[in-house]
Amino acid sequence: MATSIAQLKNYRQSPRKVRLVADLVRGKNVEHALALLSMLPKRASEPMDKLLRSAVANAGVSAIELFVEKIEVNGGLTFRRMMPRARGRGSMIKKKTSHVTVSLNAAKPKAVKAPRQSVAKN
């Protein structure tokens, strides 16, 4: 079973925005995920594309056989900057970064079953 991991650290975009892209490719075939990312109009799609290609290269297996097993987006460093405000004050601006970790696996992920709805009979 080929498992591959790739990381992207201190990517200069907030984790909240990067998670939107990560949620789209989680659990998908790598070929399908790369096709999705190439057409997605989000800024995070290009670095995510590069990260997936790096993980495929680390695995040493063709992308057709691999699936995105796990993808995590966590907060990285936060750059603190000051912005001049009224009456000589200053306010804090937080420039957030993201750490993205992708794990690929050759085995197809297990389908998550939805919980059964019980229907009361009268």
PDB file of N, CA and C in Angstrom:
ATOM      1  N   MET A   1       0.847  -1.176   0.000  1.00  0.00           N
ATOM      2  CA  MET A   1       0.000   0.000   0.000  1.00  0.00           C
ATOM      3  C   MET A   1       0.889   1.235   0.000  1.00  0.00           C
ATOM      4  N   ALA A   2       0.766   2.085  -0.987  1.00  0.00           N
ATOM      5  CA  ALA A   2       1.599   3.281  -1.093  1.00  0.00           C
ATOM      6  C   ALA A   2       0.937   4.447  -0.372  1.00  0.00           C
ATOM      7  N   THR A   3       1.616   4.947   0.655  1.00  0.00           N
ATOM      8  CA  THR A   3       1.137   6.123   1.373  1.00  0.00           C
ATOM      9  C   THR A   3       2.160   7.217   1.181  1.00  0.00           C
ATOM     10  N   SER A   4       1.685   8.419   0.903  1.00  0.00           N
ATOM     11  CA  SER A   4       2.583   9.531   0.650  1.00  0.00           C
ATOM     12  C   SER A   4       2.078  10.769   1.371  1.00  0.00           C
ATOM     13  N   ILE A   5       3.023  11.541   1.912  1.00  0.00           N
ATOM     14  CA  ILE A   5       2.676  12.763   2.632  1.00  0.00           C
ATOM     15  C   ILE A   5       3.470  13.924   2.046  1.00  0.00           C
ATOM     16  N   ALA A   6       2.819  15.073   1.911  1.00  0.00           N
ATOM     17  CA  ALA A   6       3.496  16.304   1.487  1.00  0.00           C
ATOM     18  C   ALA A   6       2.958  17.451   2.338  1.00  0.00           C
ATOM     19  N   GLN A   7       3.822  18.427   2.628  1.00  0.00           N
ATOM     20  CA  GLN A   7       3.439  19.550   3.477  1.00  0.00           C
ATOM     21  C   GLN A   7       3.743  20.875   2.798  1.00  0.00           C
ATOM     22  N   LEU A   8       2.890  21.836   3.067  1.00  0.00           N
ATOM     23  CA  LEU A   8       3.093  23.218   2.638  1.00  0.00           C
ATOM     24  C   LEU A   8       3.015  24.064   3.893  1.00  0.00           C
ATOM     25  N   LYS A   9       4.117  24.720   4.237  1.00  0.00           N
ATOM     26  CA  LYS A   9       4.155  25.470   5.490  1.00  0.00           C
ATOM     27  C   LYS A   9       4.221  26.969   5.227  1.00  0.00           C
ATOM     28  N   ASN A  10       3.584  27.717   6.110  1.00  0.00           N
ATOM     29  CA  ASN A  10       3.567  29.179   6.081  1.00  0.00           C
ATOM     30  C   ASN A  10       3.087  29.746   4.750  1.00  0.00           C
ATOM     31  N   TYR A  11       2.030  29.169   4.214  1.00  0.00           N
ATOM     32  CA  TYR A  11       1.407  29.697   3.002  1.00  0.00           C
ATOM     33  C   TYR A  11       0.632  30.952   3.383  1.00  0.00           C
ATOM     34  N   ARG A  12       0.887  32.066   2.715  1.00  0.00           N
ATOM     35  CA  ARG A  12       0.369  33.381   3.097  1.00  0.00           C
ATOM     36  C   ARG A  12      -1.080  33.585   2.665  1.00  0.00           C
ATOM     37  N   GLN A  13      -1.973  32.802   3.236  1.00  0.00           N
ATOM     38  CA  GLN A  13      -3.406  32.983   3.075  1.00  0.00           C
ATOM     39  C   GLN A  13      -4.062  32.393   4.319  1.00  0.00           C
ATOM     40  N   SER A  14      -5.172  32.950   4.723  1.00  0.00           N
ATOM     41  CA  SER A  14      -5.782  32.510   5.975  1.00  0.00           C
ATOM     42  C   SER A  14      -6.296  31.075   5.847  1.00  0.00           C
ATOM     43  N   PRO A  15      -6.218  30.308   6.930  1.00  0.00           N
ATOM     44  CA  PRO A  15      -6.652  28.903   6.891  1.00  0.00           C
ATOM     45  C   PRO A  15      -8.118  28.746   6.511  1.00  0.00           C
ATOM     46  N   ARG A  16      -8.932  29.702   6.879  1.00  0.00           N
ATOM     47  CA  ARG A  16     -10.357  29.618   6.573  1.00  0.00           C
ATOM     48  C   ARG A  16     -10.606  29.580   5.066  1.00  0.00           C
ATOM     49  N   LYS A  17      -9.848  30.379   4.313  1.00  0.00           N
ATOM     50  CA  LYS A  17     -10.001  30.424   2.862  1.00  0.00           C
ATOM     51  C   LYS A  17      -9.400  29.187   2.197  1.00  0.00           C
ATOM     52  N   VAL A  18      -8.308  28.667   2.758  1.00  0.00           N
ATOM     53  CA  VAL A  18      -7.660  27.490   2.175  1.00  0.00           C
ATOM     54  C   VAL A  18      -8.507  26.243   2.425  1.00  0.00           C
ATOM     55  N   ARG A  19      -9.208  26.198   3.558  1.00  0.00           N
ATOM     56  CA  ARG A  19     -10.059  25.038   3.864  1.00  0.00           C
ATOM     57  C   ARG A  19     -11.183  24.871   2.854  1.00  0.00           C
ATOM     58  N   LEU A  20     -11.649  25.958   2.242  1.00  0.00           N
ATOM     59  CA  LEU A  20     -12.690  25.850   1.217  1.00  0.00           C
ATOM     60  C   LEU A  20     -12.209  24.989   0.046  1.00  0.00           C
ATOM     61  N   VAL A  21     -10.956  25.166  -0.330  1.00  0.00           N
ATOM     62  CA  VAL A  21     -10.379  24.397  -1.428  1.00  0.00           C
ATOM     63  C   VAL A  21     -10.078  22.971  -0.971  1.00  0.00           C
ATOM     64  N   ALA A  22      -9.576  22.828   0.254  1.00  0.00           N
ATOM     65  CA  ALA A  22      -9.221  21.506   0.773  1.00  0.00           C
ATOM     66  C   ALA A  22     -10.446  20.610   0.894  1.00  0.00           C
ATOM     67  N   ASP A  23     -11.583  21.184   1.276  1.00  0.00           N
ATOM     68  CA  ASP A  23     -12.802  20.395   1.423  1.00  0.00           C
ATOM     69  C   ASP A  23     -13.289  19.836   0.089  1.00  0.00           C
ATOM     70  N   LEU A  24     -12.965  20.519  -1.010  1.00  0.00           N
ATOM     71  CA  LEU A  24     -13.396  20.039  -2.327  1.00  0.00           C
ATOM     72  C   LEU A  24     -12.643  18.795  -2.775  1.00  0.00           C
ATOM     73  N   VAL A  25     -11.363  18.671  -2.407  1.00  0.00           N
ATOM     74  CA  VAL A  25     -10.551  17.566  -2.915  1.00  0.00           C
ATOM     75  C   VAL A  25     -10.437  16.403  -1.932  1.00  0.00           C
ATOM     76  N   ARG A  26     -10.891  16.570  -0.709  1.00  0.00           N
ATOM     77  CA  ARG A  26     -10.778  15.509   0.300  1.00  0.00           C
ATOM     78  C   ARG A  26     -11.565  14.280  -0.119  1.00  0.00           C
ATOM     79  N   GLY A  27     -10.911  13.104  -0.118  1.00  0.00           N
ATOM     80  CA  GLY A  27     -11.563  11.845  -0.439  1.00  0.00           C
ATOM     81  C   GLY A  27     -11.683  11.535  -1.921  1.00  0.00           C
ATOM     82  N   LYS A  28     -11.200  12.404  -2.772  1.00  0.00           N
ATOM     83  CA  LYS A  28     -11.330  12.195  -4.219  1.00  0.00           C
ATOM     84  C   LYS A  28     -10.090  11.513  -4.798  1.00  0.00           C
ATOM     85  N   ASN A  29     -10.246  10.978  -5.984  1.00  0.00           N
ATOM     86  CA  ASN A  29      -9.129  10.446  -6.754  1.00  0.00           C
ATOM     87  C   ASN A  29      -8.213  11.617  -7.104  1.00  0.00           C
ATOM     88  N   VAL A  30      -6.899  11.385  -7.140  1.00  0.00           N
ATOM     89  CA  VAL A  30      -5.939  12.463  -7.388  1.00  0.00           C
ATOM     90  C   VAL A  30      -6.136  13.066  -8.774  1.00  0.00           C
ATOM     91  N   GLU A  31      -6.397  12.242  -9.774  1.00  0.00           N
ATOM     92  CA  GLU A  31      -6.637  12.756 -11.130  1.00  0.00           C
ATOM     93  C   GLU A  31      -7.842  13.698 -11.148  1.00  0.00           C
ATOM     94  N   HIS A  32      -8.906  13.277 -10.481  1.00  0.00           N
ATOM     95  CA  HIS A  32     -10.123  14.099 -10.422  1.00  0.00           C
ATOM     96  C   HIS A  32      -9.864  15.385  -9.636  1.00  0.00           C
ATOM     97  N   ALA A  33      -9.106  15.282  -8.559  1.00  0.00           N
ATOM     98  CA  ALA A  33      -8.797  16.450  -7.731  1.00  0.00           C
ATOM     99  C   ALA A  33      -7.950  17.465  -8.497  1.00  0.00           C
ATOM    100  N   LEU A  34      -6.971  16.993  -9.274  1.00  0.00           N
ATOM    101  CA  LEU A  34      -6.132  17.893 -10.067  1.00  0.00           C
ATOM    102  C   LEU A  34      -6.946  18.598 -11.153  1.00  0.00           C
ATOM    103  N   ALA A  35      -7.873  17.876 -11.758  1.00  0.00           N
ATOM    104  CA  ALA A  35      -8.743  18.485 -12.768  1.00  0.00           C
ATOM    105  C   ALA A  35      -9.638  19.546 -12.136  1.00  0.00           C
ATOM    106  N   LEU A  36     -10.142  19.262 -10.941  1.00  0.00           N
ATOM    107  CA  LEU A  36     -10.978  20.219 -10.222  1.00  0.00           C
ATOM    108  C   LEU A  36     -10.201  21.487  -9.886  1.00  0.00           C
ATOM    109  N   LEU A  37      -8.965  21.310  -9.394  1.00  0.00           N
ATOM    110  CA  LEU A  37      -8.146  22.449  -8.985  1.00  0.00           C
ATOM    111  C   LEU A  37      -7.729  23.324 -10.166  1.00  0.00           C
ATOM    112  N   SER A  38      -7.566  22.708 -11.336  1.00  0.00           N
ATOM    113  CA  SER A  38      -7.140  23.497 -12.493  1.00  0.00           C
ATOM    114  C   SER A  38      -8.223  24.469 -12.961  1.00  0.00           C
ATOM    115  N   MET A  39      -9.483  24.166 -12.673  1.00  0.00           N
ATOM    116  CA  MET A  39     -10.585  25.016 -13.113  1.00  0.00           C
ATOM    117  C   MET A  39     -11.171  25.881 -11.993  1.00  0.00           C
ATOM    118  N   LEU A  40     -10.676  25.735 -10.772  1.00  0.00           N
ATOM    119  CA  LEU A  40     -11.243  26.436  -9.620  1.00  0.00           C
ATOM    120  C   LEU A  40     -10.747  27.882  -9.569  1.00  0.00           C
ATOM    121  N   PRO A  41     -11.646  28.863  -9.456  1.00  0.00           N
ATOM    122  CA  PRO A  41     -11.219  30.263  -9.439  1.00  0.00           C
ATOM    123  C   PRO A  41     -10.853  30.767  -8.041  1.00  0.00           C
ATOM    124  N   LYS A  42     -10.069  30.001  -7.303  1.00  0.00           N
ATOM    125  CA  LYS A  42      -9.623  30.400  -5.963  1.00  0.00           C
ATOM    126  C   LYS A  42      -8.109  30.533  -5.974  1.00  0.00           C
ATOM    127  N   ARG A  43      -7.585  31.461  -5.164  1.00  0.00           N
ATOM    128  CA  ARG A  43      -6.149  31.700  -5.117  1.00  0.00           C
ATOM    129  C   ARG A  43      -5.392  30.494  -4.566  1.00  0.00           C
ATOM    130  N   ALA A  44      -6.012  29.757  -3.658  1.00  0.00           N
ATOM    131  CA  ALA A  44      -5.354  28.619  -3.013  1.00  0.00           C
ATOM    132  C   ALA A  44      -5.293  27.393  -3.912  1.00  0.00           C
ATOM    133  N   SER A  45      -5.961  27.412  -5.061  1.00  0.00           N
ATOM    134  CA  SER A  45      -6.001  26.217  -5.900  1.00  0.00           C
ATOM    135  C   SER A  45      -4.646  25.902  -6.538  1.00  0.00           C
ATOM    136  N   GLU A  46      -3.864  26.924  -6.903  1.00  0.00           N
ATOM    137  CA  GLU A  46      -2.555  26.663  -7.524  1.00  0.00           C
ATOM    138  C   GLU A  46      -1.556  26.044  -6.536  1.00  0.00           C
ATOM    139  N   PRO A  47      -1.382  26.589  -5.319  1.00  0.00           N
ATOM    140  CA  PRO A  47      -0.483  25.930  -4.370  1.00  0.00           C
ATOM    141  C   PRO A  47      -0.966  24.535  -3.971  1.00  0.00           C
ATOM    142  N   MET A  48      -2.287  24.333  -3.905  1.00  0.00           N
ATOM    143  CA  MET A  48      -2.821  23.018  -3.566  1.00  0.00           C
ATOM    144  C   MET A  48      -2.539  22.025  -4.687  1.00  0.00           C
ATOM    145  N   ASP A  49      -2.590  22.501  -5.935  1.00  0.00           N
ATOM    146  CA  ASP A  49      -2.255  21.677  -7.098  1.00  0.00           C
ATOM    147  C   ASP A  49      -0.792  21.232  -7.020  1.00  0.00           C
ATOM    148  N   LYS A  50       0.101  22.177  -6.722  1.00  0.00           N
ATOM    149  CA  LYS A  50       1.523  21.859  -6.603  1.00  0.00           C
ATOM    150  C   LYS A  50       1.778  20.877  -5.466  1.00  0.00           C
ATOM    151  N   LEU A  51       1.048  21.041  -4.372  1.00  0.00           N
ATOM    152  CA  LEU A  51       1.210  20.164  -3.215  1.00  0.00           C
ATOM    153  C   LEU A  51       0.769  18.744  -3.539  1.00  0.00           C
ATOM    154  N   LEU A  52      -0.347  18.602  -4.250  1.00  0.00           N
ATOM    155  CA  LEU A  52      -0.813  17.272  -4.653  1.00  0.00           C
ATOM    156  C   LEU A  52       0.181  16.603  -5.598  1.00  0.00           C
ATOM    157  N   ARG A  53       0.713  17.370  -6.553  1.00  0.00           N
ATOM    158  CA  ARG A  53       1.702  16.811  -7.482  1.00  0.00           C
ATOM    159  C   ARG A  53       2.972  16.380  -6.746  1.00  0.00           C
ATOM    160  N   SER A  54       3.353  17.129  -5.718  1.00  0.00           N
ATOM    161  CA  SER A  54       4.516  16.770  -4.909  1.00  0.00           C
ATOM    162  C   SER A  54       4.262  15.471  -4.145  1.00  0.00           C
ATOM    163  N   ALA A  55       3.063  15.317  -3.605  1.00  0.00           N
ATOM    164  CA  ALA A  55       2.720  14.097  -2.879  1.00  0.00           C
ATOM    165  C   ALA A  55       2.702  12.886  -3.808  1.00  0.00           C
ATOM    166  N   VAL A  56       2.231  13.086  -5.047  1.00  0.00           N
ATOM    167  CA  VAL A  56       2.235  11.991  -6.037  1.00  0.00           C
ATOM    168  C   VAL A  56       3.674  11.596  -6.371  1.00  0.00           C
ATOM    169  N   ALA A  57       4.551  12.589  -6.524  1.00  0.00           N
ATOM    170  CA  ALA A  57       5.960  12.301  -6.812  1.00  0.00           C
ATOM    171  C   ALA A  57       6.622  11.571  -5.641  1.00  0.00           C
ATOM    172  N   ASN A  58       6.242  11.923  -4.410  1.00  0.00           N
ATOM    173  CA  ASN A  58       6.788  11.236  -3.236  1.00  0.00           C
ATOM    174  C   ASN A  58       6.334   9.790  -3.162  1.00  0.00           C
ATOM    175  N   ALA A  59       5.119   9.511  -3.663  1.00  0.00           N
ATOM    176  CA  ALA A  59       4.580   8.153  -3.598  1.00  0.00           C
ATOM    177  C   ALA A  59       5.267   7.226  -4.595  1.00  0.00           C
ATOM    178  N   GLY A  60       5.670   7.743  -5.746  1.00  0.00           N
ATOM    179  CA  GLY A  60       6.307   6.917  -6.754  1.00  0.00           C
ATOM    180  C   GLY A  60       5.346   6.013  -7.492  1.00  0.00           C
ATOM    181  N   VAL A  61       4.045   6.297  -7.401  1.00  0.00           N
ATOM    182  CA  VAL A  61       3.002   5.522  -8.059  1.00  0.00           C
ATOM    183  C   VAL A  61       2.240   6.482  -8.961  1.00  0.00           C
ATOM    184  N   SER A  62       1.585   5.966 -10.000  1.00  0.00           N
ATOM    185  CA  SER A  62       0.846   6.863 -10.890  1.00  0.00           C
ATOM    186  C   SER A  62      -0.346   7.478 -10.162  1.00  0.00           C
ATOM    187  N   ALA A  63      -0.730   8.654 -10.575  1.00  0.00           N
ATOM    188  CA  ALA A  63      -1.799   9.407  -9.915  1.00  0.00           C
ATOM    189  C   ALA A  63      -3.158   8.749 -10.070  1.00  0.00           C
ATOM    190  N   ILE A  64      -3.314   7.861 -11.033  1.00  0.00           N
ATOM    191  CA  ILE A  64      -4.593   7.195 -11.263  1.00  0.00           C
ATOM    192  C   ILE A  64      -4.947   6.279 -10.092  1.00  0.00           C
ATOM    193  N   GLU A  65      -3.919   5.694  -9.461  1.00  0.00           N
ATOM    194  CA  GLU A  65      -4.149   4.737  -8.378  1.00  0.00           C
ATOM    195  C   GLU A  65      -4.336   5.389  -7.018  1.00  0.00           C
ATOM    196  N   LEU A  66      -4.027   6.670  -6.880  1.00  0.00           N
ATOM    197  CA  LEU A  66      -4.013   7.314  -5.564  1.00  0.00           C
ATOM    198  C   LEU A  66      -5.288   8.091  -5.265  1.00  0.00           C
ATOM    199  N   PHE A  67      -5.606   8.167  -3.975  1.00  0.00           N
ATOM    200  CA  PHE A  67      -6.732   8.936  -3.473  1.00  0.00           C
ATOM    201  C   PHE A  67      -6.247   9.882  -2.387  1.00  0.00           C
ATOM    202  N   VAL A  68      -6.930  11.007  -2.222  1.00  0.00           N
ATOM    203  CA  VAL A  68      -6.601  11.950  -1.152  1.00  0.00           C
ATOM    204  C   VAL A  68      -7.220  11.394   0.119  1.00  0.00           C
ATOM    205  N   GLU A  69      -6.381  10.752   0.930  1.00  0.00           N
ATOM    206  CA  GLU A  69      -6.869  10.113   2.149  1.00  0.00           C
ATOM    207  C   GLU A  69      -7.202  11.151   3.216  1.00  0.00           C
ATOM    208  N   LYS A  70      -6.269  12.083   3.417  1.00  0.00           N
ATOM    209  CA  LYS A  70      -6.456  13.083   4.467  1.00  0.00           C
ATOM    210  C   LYS A  70      -5.823  14.384   4.020  1.00  0.00           C
ATOM    211  N   ILE A  71      -6.485  15.493   4.289  1.00  0.00           N
ATOM    212  CA  ILE A  71      -5.925  16.806   3.997  1.00  0.00           C
ATOM    213  C   ILE A  71      -6.283  17.728   5.161  1.00  0.00           C
ATOM    214  N   GLU A  72      -5.274  18.306   5.775  1.00  0.00           N
ATOM    215  CA  GLU A  72      -5.465  19.169   6.939  1.00  0.00           C
ATOM    216  C   GLU A  72      -4.972  20.571   6.629  1.00  0.00           C
ATOM    217  N   VAL A  73      -5.724  21.550   7.095  1.00  0.00           N
ATOM    218  CA  VAL A  73      -5.300  22.947   6.981  1.00  0.00           C
ATOM    219  C   VAL A  73      -5.306  23.521   8.388  1.00  0.00           C
ATOM    220  N   ASN A  74      -4.132  23.856   8.883  1.00  0.00           N
ATOM    221  CA  ASN A  74      -3.994  24.420  10.219  1.00  0.00           C
ATOM    222  C   ASN A  74      -3.402  25.818  10.127  1.00  0.00           C
ATOM    223  N   GLY A  75      -3.548  26.561  11.190  1.00  0.00           N
ATOM    224  CA  GLY A  75      -2.999  27.909  11.234  1.00  0.00           C
ATOM    225  C   GLY A  75      -1.489  27.883  11.392  1.00  0.00           C
ATOM    226  N   GLY A  76      -0.825  28.803  10.742  1.00  0.00           N
ATOM    227  CA  GLY A  76       0.622  28.938  10.846  1.00  0.00           C
ATOM    228  C   GLY A  76       0.970  30.193  11.635  1.00  0.00           C
ATOM    229  N   LEU A  77       2.071  30.812  11.279  1.00  0.00           N
ATOM    230  CA  LEU A  77       2.475  32.048  11.922  1.00  0.00           C
ATOM    231  C   LEU A  77       1.467  33.156  11.624  1.00  0.00           C
ATOM    232  N   THR A  78       1.371  34.106  12.535  1.00  0.00           N
ATOM    233  CA  THR A  78       0.532  35.281  12.308  1.00  0.00           C
ATOM    234  C   THR A  78       1.422  36.508  12.367  1.00  0.00           C
ATOM    235  N   PHE A  79       1.540  37.210  11.245  1.00  0.00           N
ATOM    236  CA  PHE A  79       2.326  38.432  11.212  1.00  0.00           C
ATOM    237  C   PHE A  79       1.467  39.563  11.763  1.00  0.00           C
ATOM    238  N   ARG A  80       2.019  40.316  12.696  1.00  0.00           N
ATOM    239  CA  ARG A  80       1.270  41.424  13.297  1.00  0.00           C
ATOM    240  C   ARG A  80       1.800  42.743  12.754  1.00  0.00           C
ATOM    241  N   ARG A  81       0.912  43.533  12.187  1.00  0.00           N
ATOM    242  CA  ARG A  81       1.274  44.825  11.626  1.00  0.00           C
ATOM    243  C   ARG A  81       0.384  45.897  12.247  1.00  0.00           C
ATOM    244  N   MET A  82       0.847  47.127  12.223  1.00  0.00           N
ATOM    245  CA  MET A  82       0.071  48.231  12.782  1.00  0.00           C
ATOM    246  C   MET A  82      -0.471  49.105  11.641  1.00  0.00           C
ATOM    247  N   MET A  83      -1.696  49.564  11.831  1.00  0.00           N
ATOM    248  CA  MET A  83      -2.352  50.441  10.861  1.00  0.00           C
ATOM    249  C   MET A  83      -2.674  51.757  11.563  1.00  0.00           C
ATOM    250  N   PRO A  84      -2.238  52.884  11.029  1.00  0.00           N
ATOM    251  CA  PRO A  84      -2.560  54.164  11.667  1.00  0.00           C
ATOM    252  C   PRO A  84      -4.067  54.416  11.664  1.00  0.00           C
ATOM    253  N   ARG A  85      -4.562  54.896  12.798  1.00  0.00           N
ATOM    254  CA  ARG A  85      -5.981  55.189  12.934  1.00  0.00           C
ATOM    255  C   ARG A  85      -6.157  56.639  13.393  1.00  0.00           C
ATOM    256  N   ALA A  86      -7.367  57.007  13.647  1.00  0.00           N
ATOM    257  CA  ALA A  86      -7.686  58.383  14.038  1.00  0.00           C
ATOM    258  C   ALA A  86      -7.087  58.734  15.405  1.00  0.00           C
ATOM    259  N   ARG A  87      -6.802  60.014  15.602  1.00  0.00           N
ATOM    260  CA  ARG A  87      -6.303  60.588  16.855  1.00  0.00           C
ATOM    261  C   ARG A  87      -4.973  59.988  17.299  1.00  0.00           C
ATOM    262  N   GLY A  88      -4.145  59.616  16.363  1.00  0.00           N
ATOM    263  CA  GLY A  88      -2.817  59.127  16.684  1.00  0.00           C
ATOM    264  C   GLY A  88      -2.759  57.713  17.218  1.00  0.00           C
ATOM    265  N   ARG A  89      -3.837  57.006  17.116  1.00  0.00           N
ATOM    266  CA  ARG A  89      -3.852  55.617  17.587  1.00  0.00           C
ATOM    267  C   ARG A  89      -3.371  54.685  16.496  1.00  0.00           C
ATOM    268  N   GLY A  90      -3.207  53.435  16.877  1.00  0.00           N
ATOM    269  CA  GLY A  90      -2.858  52.407  15.903  1.00  0.00           C
ATOM    270  C   GLY A  90      -3.668  51.168  16.188  1.00  0.00           C
ATOM    271  N   SER A  91      -4.059  50.466  15.160  1.00  0.00           N
ATOM    272  CA  SER A  91      -4.797  49.219  15.368  1.00  0.00           C
ATOM    273  C   SER A  91      -4.014  48.071  14.749  1.00  0.00           C
ATOM    274  N   MET A  92      -4.216  46.899  15.314  1.00  0.00           N
ATOM    275  CA  MET A  92      -3.486  45.700  14.908  1.00  0.00           C
ATOM    276  C   MET A  92      -4.113  45.096  13.653  1.00  0.00           C
ATOM    277  N   ILE A  93      -3.265  44.692  12.718  1.00  0.00           N
ATOM    278  CA  ILE A  93      -3.692  43.914  11.560  1.00  0.00           C
ATOM    279  C   ILE A  93      -2.979  42.580  11.661  1.00  0.00           C
ATOM    280  N   LYS A  94      -3.741  41.494  11.611  1.00  0.00           N
ATOM    281  CA  LYS A  94      -3.160  40.160  11.706  1.00  0.00           C
ATOM    282  C   LYS A  94      -3.140  39.526  10.324  1.00  0.00           C
ATOM    283  N   LYS A  95      -1.948  39.244   9.826  1.00  0.00           N
ATOM    284  CA  LYS A  95      -1.793  38.590   8.526  1.00  0.00           C
ATOM    285  C   LYS A  95      -1.537  37.113   8.796  1.00  0.00           C
ATOM    286  N   LYS A  96      -2.546  36.289   8.528  1.00  0.00           N
ATOM    287  CA  LYS A  96      -2.491  34.882   8.904  1.00  0.00           C
ATOM    288  C   LYS A  96      -1.850  34.023   7.811  1.00  0.00           C
ATOM    289  N   THR A  97      -1.243  32.920   8.241  1.00  0.00           N
ATOM    290  CA  THR A  97      -0.653  31.953   7.319  1.00  0.00           C
ATOM    291  C   THR A  97      -1.238  30.573   7.612  1.00  0.00           C
ATOM    292  N   SER A  98      -1.002  29.633   6.715  1.00  0.00           N
ATOM    293  CA  SER A  98      -1.565  28.292   6.820  1.00  0.00           C
ATOM    294  C   SER A  98      -0.487  27.230   6.683  1.00  0.00           C
ATOM    295  N   HIS A  99      -0.695  26.114   7.377  1.00  0.00           N
ATOM    296  CA  HIS A  99       0.090  24.900   7.188  1.00  0.00           C
ATOM    297  C   HIS A  99      -0.857  23.868   6.584  1.00  0.00           C
ATOM    298  N   VAL A 100      -0.513  23.323   5.414  1.00  0.00           N
ATOM    299  CA  VAL A 100      -1.359  22.335   4.750  1.00  0.00           C
ATOM    300  C   VAL A 100      -0.602  21.011   4.682  1.00  0.00           C
ATOM    301  N   THR A 101      -1.254  19.919   5.086  1.00  0.00           N
ATOM    302  CA  THR A 101      -0.671  18.585   5.035  1.00  0.00           C
ATOM    303  C   THR A 101      -1.592  17.680   4.230  1.00  0.00           C
ATOM    304  N   VAL A 102      -1.034  17.022   3.220  1.00  0.00           N
ATOM    305  CA  VAL A 102      -1.803  16.119   2.363  1.00  0.00           C
ATOM    306  C   VAL A 102      -1.255  14.709   2.526  1.00  0.00           C
ATOM    307  N   SER A 103      -2.163  13.758   2.692  1.00  0.00           N
ATOM    308  CA  SER A 103      -1.795  12.357   2.785  1.00  0.00           C
ATOM    309  C   SER A 103      -2.536  11.590   1.693  1.00  0.00           C
ATOM    310  N   LEU A 104      -1.785  10.908   0.829  1.00  0.00           N
ATOM    311  CA  LEU A 104      -2.368  10.122  -0.259  1.00  0.00           C
ATOM    312  C   LEU A 104      -2.243   8.640   0.062  1.00  0.00           C
ATOM    313  N   ASN A 105      -3.185   7.849  -0.433  1.00  0.00           N
ATOM    314  CA  ASN A 105      -3.170   6.414  -0.200  1.00  0.00           C
ATOM    315  C   ASN A 105      -3.639   5.708  -1.462  1.00  0.00           C
ATOM    316  N   ALA A 106      -3.105   4.515  -1.697  1.00  0.00           N
ATOM    317  CA  ALA A 106      -3.488   3.762  -2.882  1.00  0.00           C
ATOM    318  C   ALA A 106      -4.818   3.049  -2.687  1.00  0.00           C
ATOM    319  N   ALA A 107      -5.186   2.766  -1.451  1.00  0.00           N
ATOM    320  CA  ALA A 107      -6.456   2.093  -1.190  1.00  0.00           C
ATOM    321  C   ALA A 107      -7.592   3.094  -1.273  1.00  0.00           C
ATOM    322  N   LYS A 108      -8.712   2.657  -1.818  1.00  0.00           N
ATOM    323  CA  LYS A 108      -9.873   3.534  -1.931  1.00  0.00           C
ATOM    324  C   LYS A 108     -10.423   3.808  -0.533  1.00  0.00           C
ATOM    325  N   PRO A 109     -10.745   5.083  -0.236  1.00  0.00           N
ATOM    326  CA  PRO A 109     -11.252   5.396   1.107  1.00  0.00           C
ATOM    327  C   PRO A 109     -12.616   4.767   1.345  1.00  0.00           C
ATOM    328  N   LYS A 110     -12.866   4.431   2.603  1.00  0.00           N
ATOM    329  CA  LYS A 110     -14.148   3.837   2.955  1.00  0.00           C
ATOM    330  C   LYS A 110     -15.234   4.903   2.858  1.00  0.00           C
ATOM    331  N   ALA A 111     -16.364   4.506   2.295  1.00  0.00           N
ATOM    332  CA  ALA A 111     -17.485   5.442   2.174  1.00  0.00           C
ATOM    333  C   ALA A 111     -18.099   5.643   3.546  1.00  0.00           C
ATOM    334  N   VAL A 112     -18.349   6.878   3.884  1.00  0.00           N
ATOM    335  CA  VAL A 112     -18.957   7.186   5.171  1.00  0.00           C
ATOM    336  C   VAL A 112     -20.459   7.064   5.023  1.00  0.00           C
ATOM    337  N   LYS A 113     -21.028   6.190   5.845  1.00  0.00           N
ATOM    338  CA  LYS A 113     -22.468   5.986   5.763  1.00  0.00           C
ATOM    339  C   LYS A 113     -23.187   7.036   6.592  1.00  0.00           C
ATOM    340  N   ALA A 114     -24.294   7.520   6.044  1.00  0.00           N
ATOM    341  CA  ALA A 114     -25.116   8.487   6.777  1.00  0.00           C
ATOM    342  C   ALA A 114     -25.897   7.726   7.841  1.00  0.00           C
ATOM    343  N   PRO A 115     -26.099   8.341   9.005  1.00  0.00           N
ATOM    344  CA  PRO A 115     -26.870   7.656  10.039  1.00  0.00           C
ATOM    345  C   PRO A 115     -28.306   7.418   9.583  1.00  0.00           C
ATOM    346  N   ARG A 116     -28.834   6.260   9.986  1.00  0.00           N
ATOM    347  CA  ARG A 116     -30.187   5.899   9.564  1.00  0.00           C
ATOM    348  C   ARG A 116     -31.210   6.739  10.313  1.00  0.00           C
ATOM    349  N   GLN A 117     -32.200   7.146   9.601  1.00  0.00           N
ATOM    350  CA  GLN A 117     -33.302   7.904  10.195  1.00  0.00           C
ATOM    351  C   GLN A 117     -34.363   6.925  10.648  1.00  0.00           C
ATOM    352  N   SER A 118     -34.682   6.957  11.926  1.00  0.00           N
ATOM    353  CA  SER A 118     -35.744   6.061  12.405  1.00  0.00           C
ATOM    354  C   SER A 118     -37.091   6.745  12.238  1.00  0.00           C
ATOM    355  N   VAL A 119     -38.036   5.993  11.744  1.00  0.00           N
ATOM    356  CA  VAL A 119     -39.374   6.522  11.515  1.00  0.00           C
ATOM    357  C   VAL A 119     -40.306   5.851  12.515  1.00  0.00           C
ATOM    358  N   ALA A 120     -40.948   6.661  13.304  1.00  0.00           N
ATOM    359  CA  ALA A 120     -41.885   6.113  14.311  1.00  0.00           C
ATOM    360  C   ALA A 120     -43.182   5.696  13.627  1.00  0.00           C
ATOM    361  N   LYS A 121     -43.626   4.486  13.947  1.00  0.00           N
ATOM    362  CA  LYS A 121     -44.883   3.999  13.386  1.00  0.00           C
ATOM    363  C   LYS A 121     -45.992   4.205  14.408  1.00  0.00           C
ATOM    364  N   ASN A 122     -47.098   4.703  13.942  1.00  0.00           N
ATOM    365  CA  ASN A 122     -48.247   4.931  14.843  1.00  0.00           C
ATOM    366  C   ASN A 122     -49.297   3.910  14.661  1.00  0.00           C
TER     367      ASN A 122
END
